[in-house]
Amino acid sequence: GINAEYMGHFLSVYFFSPQMSSLTIRLSPLPPRVSVDWLTALFGGCGVLTQVIICTNKSQNQSCGFISFMSEESAAIAVELFDGITFLGLNPMSVAFFTDDANSGMCA
């Protein structure tokens, strides 16, 4: 993947493969000041992680994340355990499998 910051936006560009949809989950919105270490500790209990990414839309003050697992079972456990959970009294966090839809990679 390619990581860059452009005009206050952090961009991550990844090529989608069919396997990513079963191994990668998308988290949105993330709590403020969340870190890769925090996500690793939280989701590491679901299985072996292969990648943790945080994307921030500074103009909208929102973040989303992507976590890739070693196995489909681990990703499914993470979705089941964490989808809809509320952190720090904020809006519920959506945790879903990553797809190649145009909006799935956006932090909106």
N, C-alpha and C. Protein backbone atom coordinates (compact mmCIF):
# COMPACT_ATOMS: atom_id res chain seq x y z
N GLY A 1 0.81 -1.18 0.00
CA GLY A 1 0.00 0.00 0.00
C GLY A 1 0.85 1.25 0.00
N ILE A 2 0.21 2.35 -0.26
CA ILE A 2 0.87 3.65 -0.31
C ILE A 2 0.20 4.55 0.73
N ASN A 3 1.01 5.21 1.56
CA ASN A 3 0.49 6.14 2.56
C ASN A 3 1.00 7.54 2.25
N ALA A 4 0.14 8.53 2.34
CA ALA A 4 0.54 9.92 2.06
C ALA A 4 -0.42 10.86 2.76
N GLU A 5 0.05 12.09 2.97
CA GLU A 5 -0.83 13.14 3.48
C GLU A 5 -0.91 14.21 2.41
N TYR A 6 -2.13 14.62 2.09
CA TYR A 6 -2.35 15.61 1.05
C TYR A 6 -3.43 16.57 1.50
N MET A 7 -3.09 17.84 1.60
CA MET A 7 -4.04 18.89 1.96
C MET A 7 -4.81 18.55 3.25
N GLY A 8 -4.09 18.07 4.24
CA GLY A 8 -4.71 17.77 5.53
C GLY A 8 -5.42 16.43 5.59
N HIS A 9 -5.34 15.64 4.53
CA HIS A 9 -5.98 14.32 4.50
C HIS A 9 -4.90 13.25 4.47
N PHE A 10 -5.04 12.27 5.34
CA PHE A 10 -4.14 11.12 5.32
C PHE A 10 -4.74 10.09 4.38
N LEU A 11 -3.98 9.69 3.39
CA LEU A 11 -4.48 8.76 2.38
C LEU A 11 -3.74 7.44 2.46
N SER A 12 -4.46 6.36 2.37
CA SER A 12 -3.88 5.03 2.23
C SER A 12 -4.49 4.41 0.98
N VAL A 13 -3.66 4.00 0.09
CA VAL A 13 -4.14 3.39 -1.15
C VAL A 13 -3.71 1.94 -1.16
N TYR A 14 -4.69 1.06 -1.28
CA TYR A 14 -4.44 -0.38 -1.31
C TYR A 14 -5.19 -0.97 -2.47
N PHE A 15 -4.62 -1.99 -3.03
CA PHE A 15 -5.30 -2.69 -4.11
C PHE A 15 -6.17 -3.77 -3.49
N PHE A 16 -7.43 -3.80 -3.89
CA PHE A 16 -8.39 -4.75 -3.34
C PHE A 16 -8.20 -6.11 -3.99
N SER A 17 -8.22 -7.14 -3.18
CA SER A 17 -8.23 -8.51 -3.70
C SER A 17 -9.40 -9.23 -3.05
N PRO A 18 -9.98 -10.20 -3.72
CA PRO A 18 -11.12 -10.92 -3.12
C PRO A 18 -10.83 -11.47 -1.74
N GLN A 19 -9.59 -11.87 -1.49
CA GLN A 19 -9.24 -12.44 -0.19
C GLN A 19 -9.34 -11.40 0.92
N MET A 20 -9.10 -10.12 0.59
CA MET A 20 -9.16 -9.07 1.61
C MET A 20 -10.53 -8.99 2.25
N SER A 21 -11.59 -9.27 1.50
CA SER A 21 -12.94 -9.11 2.03
C SER A 21 -13.22 -10.07 3.18
N SER A 22 -12.54 -11.18 3.23
CA SER A 22 -12.78 -12.14 4.29
C SER A 22 -11.74 -12.06 5.41
N LEU A 23 -10.68 -11.31 5.19
CA LEU A 23 -9.61 -11.20 6.19
C LEU A 23 -9.51 -9.82 6.82
N THR A 24 -10.14 -8.81 6.21
CA THR A 24 -10.00 -7.43 6.65
C THR A 24 -11.33 -6.85 7.10
N ILE A 25 -11.30 -6.16 8.24
CA ILE A 25 -12.50 -5.49 8.73
C ILE A 25 -12.28 -3.98 8.71
N ARG A 26 -13.38 -3.23 8.62
CA ARG A 26 -13.34 -1.77 8.64
C ARG A 26 -14.05 -1.31 9.91
N LEU A 27 -13.46 -0.34 10.61
CA LEU A 27 -14.00 0.20 11.86
C LEU A 27 -14.32 1.68 11.66
N SER A 28 -15.53 2.08 12.00
CA SER A 28 -15.88 3.49 11.83
C SER A 28 -17.12 3.83 12.65
N PRO A 29 -17.15 4.99 13.29
CA PRO A 29 -16.03 5.91 13.51
C PRO A 29 -15.17 5.42 14.67
N LEU A 30 -13.91 5.79 14.65
CA LEU A 30 -13.02 5.45 15.75
C LEU A 30 -13.11 6.51 16.84
N PRO A 31 -12.92 6.13 18.09
CA PRO A 31 -12.88 7.12 19.17
C PRO A 31 -11.71 8.10 18.94
N PRO A 32 -11.83 9.33 19.44
CA PRO A 32 -10.73 10.30 19.29
C PRO A 32 -9.44 9.77 19.92
N ARG A 33 -8.35 10.14 19.32
CA ARG A 33 -7.00 9.82 19.83
C ARG A 33 -6.73 8.32 19.94
N VAL A 34 -7.44 7.50 19.19
CA VAL A 34 -7.17 6.07 19.20
C VAL A 34 -5.82 5.83 18.52
N SER A 35 -5.12 4.80 18.96
CA SER A 35 -3.80 4.51 18.39
C SER A 35 -3.78 3.10 17.80
N VAL A 36 -2.78 2.86 16.98
CA VAL A 36 -2.58 1.52 16.42
C VAL A 36 -2.34 0.52 17.55
N ASP A 37 -1.60 0.93 18.57
CA ASP A 37 -1.34 0.04 19.70
C ASP A 37 -2.64 -0.33 20.43
N TRP A 38 -3.52 0.66 20.60
CA TRP A 38 -4.81 0.41 21.27
C TRP A 38 -5.64 -0.58 20.47
N LEU A 39 -5.73 -0.36 19.15
CA LEU A 39 -6.50 -1.28 18.30
C LEU A 39 -5.87 -2.67 18.29
N THR A 40 -4.55 -2.73 18.27
CA THR A 40 -3.85 -4.02 18.29
C THR A 40 -4.17 -4.78 19.57
N ALA A 41 -4.14 -4.10 20.69
CA ALA A 41 -4.45 -4.75 21.97
C ALA A 41 -5.91 -5.19 22.02
N LEU A 42 -6.81 -4.34 21.53
CA LEU A 42 -8.24 -4.64 21.59
C LEU A 42 -8.62 -5.81 20.69
N PHE A 43 -8.17 -5.77 19.44
CA PHE A 43 -8.58 -6.78 18.47
C PHE A 43 -7.65 -7.99 18.42
N GLY A 44 -6.48 -7.88 19.05
CA GLY A 44 -5.54 -9.00 19.07
C GLY A 44 -6.08 -10.22 19.77
N GLY A 45 -7.05 -10.02 20.67
CA GLY A 45 -7.67 -11.15 21.35
C GLY A 45 -8.54 -12.00 20.43
N CYS A 46 -8.84 -11.48 19.26
CA CYS A 46 -9.67 -12.24 18.29
C CYS A 46 -8.83 -13.18 17.43
N GLY A 47 -7.54 -12.91 17.35
CA GLY A 47 -6.66 -13.74 16.52
C GLY A 47 -5.42 -12.97 16.11
N VAL A 48 -4.62 -13.60 15.27
CA VAL A 48 -3.36 -12.99 14.82
C VAL A 48 -3.66 -11.89 13.81
N LEU A 49 -3.14 -10.69 14.09
CA LEU A 49 -3.32 -9.54 13.21
C LEU A 49 -2.15 -9.48 12.23
N THR A 50 -2.44 -9.11 10.99
CA THR A 50 -1.37 -8.95 10.01
C THR A 50 -1.15 -7.48 9.66
N GLN A 51 -2.17 -6.63 9.91
CA GLN A 51 -2.02 -5.20 9.62
C GLN A 51 -3.09 -4.41 10.36
N VAL A 52 -2.69 -3.24 10.87
CA VAL A 52 -3.62 -2.32 11.54
C VAL A 52 -3.35 -0.94 10.96
N ILE A 53 -4.40 -0.32 10.42
CA ILE A 53 -4.26 0.99 9.77
C ILE A 53 -5.32 1.93 10.33
N ILE A 54 -4.92 3.16 10.60
CA ILE A 54 -5.86 4.21 10.99
C ILE A 54 -5.80 5.29 9.91
N CYS A 55 -6.96 5.67 9.41
CA CYS A 55 -7.09 6.75 8.43
C CYS A 55 -7.86 7.88 9.08
N THR A 56 -7.36 9.10 8.89
CA THR A 56 -8.00 10.26 9.51
C THR A 56 -8.40 11.27 8.45
N ASN A 57 -9.63 11.73 8.54
CA ASN A 57 -10.13 12.82 7.72
C ASN A 57 -10.10 14.05 8.61
N LYS A 58 -9.01 14.81 8.53
CA LYS A 58 -8.83 15.95 9.44
C LYS A 58 -9.88 17.02 9.25
N SER A 59 -10.36 17.22 8.02
CA SER A 59 -11.34 18.28 7.78
C SER A 59 -12.67 17.96 8.46
N GLN A 60 -12.99 16.67 8.63
CA GLN A 60 -14.23 16.29 9.29
C GLN A 60 -13.99 15.77 10.71
N ASN A 61 -12.71 15.75 11.12
CA ASN A 61 -12.33 15.29 12.45
C ASN A 61 -12.88 13.89 12.73
N GLN A 62 -12.74 13.00 11.76
CA GLN A 62 -13.19 11.63 11.89
C GLN A 62 -12.07 10.67 11.50
N SER A 63 -12.11 9.50 12.10
CA SER A 63 -11.15 8.45 11.78
C SER A 63 -11.85 7.14 11.55
N CYS A 64 -11.24 6.32 10.72
CA CYS A 64 -11.70 4.94 10.56
C CYS A 64 -10.46 4.07 10.58
N GLY A 65 -10.67 2.79 10.69
CA GLY A 65 -9.54 1.88 10.74
C GLY A 65 -9.79 0.63 9.94
N PHE A 66 -8.70 -0.03 9.60
CA PHE A 66 -8.76 -1.30 8.88
C PHE A 66 -7.83 -2.26 9.60
N ILE A 67 -8.33 -3.44 9.89
CA ILE A 67 -7.54 -4.48 10.55
C ILE A 67 -7.61 -5.73 9.72
N SER A 68 -6.45 -6.27 9.41
CA SER A 68 -6.38 -7.54 8.67
C SER A 68 -5.93 -8.64 9.62
N PHE A 69 -6.57 -9.78 9.45
CA PHE A 69 -6.29 -10.95 10.29
C PHE A 69 -5.64 -12.05 9.47
N MET A 70 -5.03 -12.99 10.17
CA MET A 70 -4.41 -14.14 9.52
C MET A 70 -5.47 -15.12 9.02
N SER A 71 -6.62 -15.16 9.71
CA SER A 71 -7.65 -16.14 9.32
C SER A 71 -9.02 -15.49 9.21
N GLU A 72 -9.87 -16.09 8.39
CA GLU A 72 -11.24 -15.62 8.23
C GLU A 72 -12.02 -15.76 9.54
N GLU A 73 -11.75 -16.82 10.28
CA GLU A 73 -12.43 -17.05 11.55
C GLU A 73 -12.17 -15.91 12.54
N SER A 74 -10.93 -15.45 12.59
CA SER A 74 -10.58 -14.35 13.50
C SER A 74 -11.30 -13.07 13.12
N ALA A 75 -11.36 -12.78 11.83
CA ALA A 75 -12.07 -11.58 11.36
C ALA A 75 -13.55 -11.67 11.71
N ALA A 76 -14.14 -12.85 11.53
CA ALA A 76 -15.56 -13.04 11.84
C ALA A 76 -15.83 -12.86 13.34
N ILE A 77 -14.93 -13.33 14.17
CA ILE A 77 -15.06 -13.16 15.62
C ILE A 77 -15.03 -11.67 15.97
N ALA A 78 -14.12 -10.93 15.36
CA ALA A 78 -14.01 -9.49 15.63
C ALA A 78 -15.29 -8.76 15.25
N VAL A 79 -15.85 -9.09 14.09
CA VAL A 79 -17.10 -8.45 13.66
C VAL A 79 -18.21 -8.77 14.64
N GLU A 80 -18.31 -10.03 15.03
CA GLU A 80 -19.38 -10.46 15.95
C GLU A 80 -19.25 -9.80 17.32
N LEU A 81 -18.03 -9.69 17.83
CA LEU A 81 -17.82 -9.14 19.17
C LEU A 81 -17.92 -7.62 19.23
N PHE A 82 -17.46 -6.93 18.21
CA PHE A 82 -17.29 -5.48 18.32
C PHE A 82 -18.25 -4.63 17.50
N ASP A 83 -19.00 -5.20 16.56
CA ASP A 83 -19.92 -4.38 15.78
C ASP A 83 -20.99 -3.78 16.69
N GLY A 84 -21.13 -2.47 16.64
CA GLY A 84 -22.15 -1.78 17.43
C GLY A 84 -21.72 -1.40 18.83
N ILE A 85 -20.51 -1.73 19.22
CA ILE A 85 -20.05 -1.42 20.57
C ILE A 85 -19.82 0.10 20.71
N THR A 86 -20.07 0.62 21.89
CA THR A 86 -19.91 2.05 22.16
C THR A 86 -18.70 2.25 23.06
N PHE A 87 -17.81 3.16 22.66
CA PHE A 87 -16.65 3.51 23.46
C PHE A 87 -16.79 4.94 23.95
N LEU A 88 -16.54 5.16 25.21
CA LEU A 88 -16.51 6.50 25.79
C LEU A 88 -17.79 7.29 25.55
N GLY A 89 -18.92 6.61 25.47
CA GLY A 89 -20.19 7.28 25.28
C GLY A 89 -20.42 7.85 23.90
N LEU A 90 -19.57 7.49 22.94
CA LEU A 90 -19.71 8.00 21.58
C LEU A 90 -20.69 7.16 20.79
N ASN A 91 -20.92 7.54 19.54
CA ASN A 91 -21.79 6.75 18.67
C ASN A 91 -21.26 5.34 18.54
N PRO A 92 -22.15 4.38 18.36
CA PRO A 92 -21.69 3.00 18.19
C PRO A 92 -20.73 2.88 17.00
N MET A 93 -19.74 2.03 17.16
CA MET A 93 -18.76 1.81 16.12
C MET A 93 -19.23 0.68 15.21
N SER A 94 -19.20 0.93 13.92
CA SER A 94 -19.52 -0.10 12.95
C SER A 94 -18.26 -0.92 12.67
N VAL A 95 -18.38 -2.22 12.81
CA VAL A 95 -17.28 -3.14 12.49
C VAL A 95 -17.83 -4.12 11.49
N ALA A 96 -17.28 -4.08 10.27
CA ALA A 96 -17.81 -4.91 9.19
C ALA A 96 -16.67 -5.37 8.30
N PHE A 97 -16.94 -6.40 7.52
CA PHE A 97 -15.95 -6.86 6.56
C PHE A 97 -15.69 -5.79 5.52
N PHE A 98 -14.43 -5.62 5.16
CA PHE A 98 -14.03 -4.67 4.12
C PHE A 98 -14.54 -5.17 2.78
N THR A 99 -15.06 -4.24 1.97
CA THR A 99 -15.52 -4.60 0.62
C THR A 99 -14.89 -3.67 -0.38
N ASP A 100 -15.08 -3.95 -1.65
CA ASP A 100 -14.51 -3.10 -2.69
C ASP A 100 -15.48 -2.00 -3.11
N ASP A 101 -16.54 -1.76 -2.32
CA ASP A 101 -17.45 -0.66 -2.61
C ASP A 101 -16.70 0.66 -2.58
N ALA A 102 -17.18 1.61 -3.35
CA ALA A 102 -16.50 2.91 -3.45
C ALA A 102 -16.36 3.59 -2.09
N ASN A 103 -17.33 3.44 -1.18
CA ASN A 103 -17.30 4.14 0.09
C ASN A 103 -16.68 3.35 1.22
N SER A 104 -16.33 2.10 1.00
CA SER A 104 -15.83 1.29 2.10
C SER A 104 -14.47 1.74 2.60
N GLY A 105 -13.70 2.41 1.77
CA GLY A 105 -12.38 2.87 2.18
C GLY A 105 -12.37 4.29 2.66
N MET A 106 -13.53 4.93 2.76
CA MET A 106 -13.60 6.34 3.13
C MET A 106 -13.90 6.49 4.62
N CYS A 107 -13.33 7.51 5.20
CA CYS A 107 -13.69 7.90 6.57
C CYS A 107 -14.65 9.05 6.45
N ALA A 108 -15.92 8.74 6.51
CA ALA A 108 -16.90 9.81 6.34
C ALA A 108 -17.85 9.82 7.52
